[in-house]
Amino acid sequence: MEFIKNVVPKEMKNLRIEVEDFIKLYNEGKCELVDIRMPMETKVWQLNFGLKIPAPELPDRANELPKDKIIVVACPHSDRSNMARVWLSENGFEARYLVGGLLGLMERLKGGKAKDIEL
């Protein structure tokens, strides 16, 4: 498995992405956010950008993901998103998980700072 060969300190930066780096790349059109939470979670609180594909549906809906962008997977924290990132990486996508998850992203974008992301 190629994944395990990359679990070395110098490669870890390619497995995750910090919120600030995500915002920059998203605004430049270089990445796509994929919210992998379950429908019951997105009904309670949701984002108005990015793709919404629950993790269990990724294999059946991978054709909806752009191949020419970094796929940034996110859940409330990072546990599920890192597992989804592994699957995506093994299936040919350049994927990273969002450090701090969606809760960290929302904390960064609250209030007037919401204007920092271009929708």
Protein backbone atom coordinates (compact mmCIF):
# COMPACT_ATOMS: atom_id res chain seq x y z
CA MET A 1 0.00 0.00 0.00
CA GLU A 2 1.49 3.32 -1.14
CA PHE A 3 -0.15 5.19 1.73
CA ILE A 4 1.98 3.59 4.45
CA LYS A 5 5.18 4.44 2.57
CA ASN A 6 4.30 8.13 2.97
CA VAL A 7 3.76 8.04 6.73
CA VAL A 8 7.05 9.79 7.46
CA PRO A 9 7.51 13.24 9.04
CA LYS A 10 8.55 15.04 5.84
CA GLU A 11 5.42 13.83 4.01
CA MET A 12 2.87 14.68 6.72
CA LYS A 13 2.35 18.18 5.30
CA ASN A 14 0.87 16.50 2.22
CA LEU A 15 -1.78 14.70 4.29
CA ARG A 16 -3.38 17.70 5.97
CA ILE A 17 -4.08 21.36 5.32
CA GLU A 18 -4.33 24.23 7.78
CA VAL A 19 -7.41 26.48 7.68
CA GLU A 20 -5.48 29.52 6.40
CA ASP A 21 -3.88 27.51 3.59
CA PHE A 22 -7.28 26.04 2.70
CA ILE A 23 -8.88 29.50 2.45
CA LYS A 24 -6.05 30.72 0.21
CA LEU A 25 -6.20 27.71 -2.13
CA TYR A 26 -10.02 27.71 -2.18
CA ASN A 27 -10.07 31.38 -3.15
CA GLU A 28 -7.54 30.63 -5.91
CA GLY A 29 -9.75 27.80 -7.23
CA LYS A 30 -7.08 25.18 -6.49
CA CYS A 31 -9.03 23.03 -4.04
CA GLU A 32 -12.55 21.82 -3.32
CA LEU A 33 -14.04 21.28 0.11
CA VAL A 34 -15.95 18.04 0.65
CA ASP A 35 -18.13 17.92 3.76
CA ILE A 36 -18.31 14.22 4.60
CA ARG A 37 -20.74 14.50 7.51
CA MET A 38 -23.93 12.47 7.61
CA PRO A 39 -27.23 14.09 6.49
CA MET A 40 -28.51 14.33 10.08
CA GLU A 41 -25.44 16.44 10.91
CA THR A 42 -25.78 18.76 7.93
CA LYS A 43 -29.45 19.35 8.75
CA VAL A 44 -28.43 20.80 12.11
CA TRP A 45 -25.73 23.09 10.73
CA GLN A 46 -24.39 23.41 7.25
CA LEU A 47 -22.00 25.25 5.02
CA ASN A 48 -23.16 27.19 2.02
CA PHE A 49 -20.17 26.15 -0.06
CA GLY A 50 -18.31 22.97 -0.91
CA LEU A 51 -19.65 19.56 -1.83
CA LYS A 52 -21.73 17.53 0.58
CA ILE A 53 -20.93 13.84 0.19
CA PRO A 54 -21.27 11.67 3.31
CA ALA A 55 -18.19 9.48 3.79
CA PRO A 56 -20.03 6.18 3.16
CA GLU A 57 -21.18 7.54 -0.24
CA LEU A 58 -17.70 8.52 -1.48
CA PRO A 59 -17.10 5.31 -3.47
CA ASP A 60 -20.40 5.70 -5.36
CA ARG A 61 -20.07 9.47 -5.86
CA ALA A 62 -16.34 9.89 -6.53
CA ASN A 63 -17.20 10.91 -10.10
CA GLU A 64 -18.57 14.18 -8.65
CA LEU A 65 -15.10 15.18 -7.42
CA PRO A 66 -12.80 17.28 -9.57
CA LYS A 67 -9.58 15.50 -10.56
CA ASP A 68 -7.77 18.78 -11.22
CA LYS A 69 -8.05 20.20 -7.68
CA ILE A 70 -6.89 19.21 -4.22
CA ILE A 71 -9.79 17.56 -2.42
CA VAL A 72 -10.03 18.85 1.15
CA VAL A 73 -12.19 16.53 3.22
CA ALA A 74 -13.73 17.79 6.42
CA CYS A 75 -15.91 16.67 9.29
CA PRO A 76 -16.46 18.43 12.63
CA HIS A 77 -12.92 17.61 13.83
CA SER A 78 -10.65 15.37 11.73
CA ASP A 79 -11.11 11.69 12.57
CA ARG A 80 -13.51 10.75 9.78
CA SER A 81 -11.99 13.16 7.31
CA ASN A 82 -8.57 11.58 7.65
CA MET A 83 -10.05 8.15 6.96
CA ALA A 84 -11.84 9.53 3.90
CA ARG A 85 -8.60 11.19 2.79
CA VAL A 86 -6.85 7.82 2.85
CA TRP A 87 -9.55 6.28 0.63
CA LEU A 88 -9.45 9.21 -1.80
CA SER A 89 -5.65 9.12 -1.99
CA GLU A 90 -5.69 5.39 -2.69
CA ASN A 91 -8.15 6.04 -5.50
CA GLY A 92 -6.11 8.61 -7.37
CA PHE A 93 -7.17 11.90 -5.81
CA GLU A 94 -4.84 14.49 -4.34
CA ALA A 95 -6.58 14.75 -0.97
CA ARG A 96 -5.93 16.34 2.40
CA TYR A 97 -7.90 16.59 5.60
CA LEU A 98 -8.70 19.96 7.16
CA VAL A 99 -6.79 20.53 10.40
CA GLY A 100 -9.28 21.61 13.06
CA GLY A 101 -12.15 20.33 10.95
CA LEU A 102 -15.27 22.28 10.10
CA LEU A 103 -15.50 23.61 13.64
CA GLY A 104 -12.06 25.17 13.26
CA LEU A 105 -13.00 26.61 9.88
CA MET A 106 -16.22 28.13 11.25
CA GLU A 107 -14.32 29.60 14.22
CA ARG A 108 -11.92 31.25 11.75
CA LEU A 109 -14.73 32.56 9.51
CA LYS A 110 -17.12 33.83 12.18
CA GLY A 111 -18.37 37.37 12.16
CA GLY A 112 -16.80 39.83 9.77
CA LYS A 113 -14.09 37.34 8.82
CA ALA A 114 -16.64 35.41 6.76
CA LYS A 115 -15.77 37.79 3.93
CA ASP A 116 -12.30 36.16 3.74
CA ILE A 117 -13.67 33.24 1.72
CA GLU A 118 -14.84 34.00 -1.80
CA LEU A 119 -18.17 32.40 -2.64
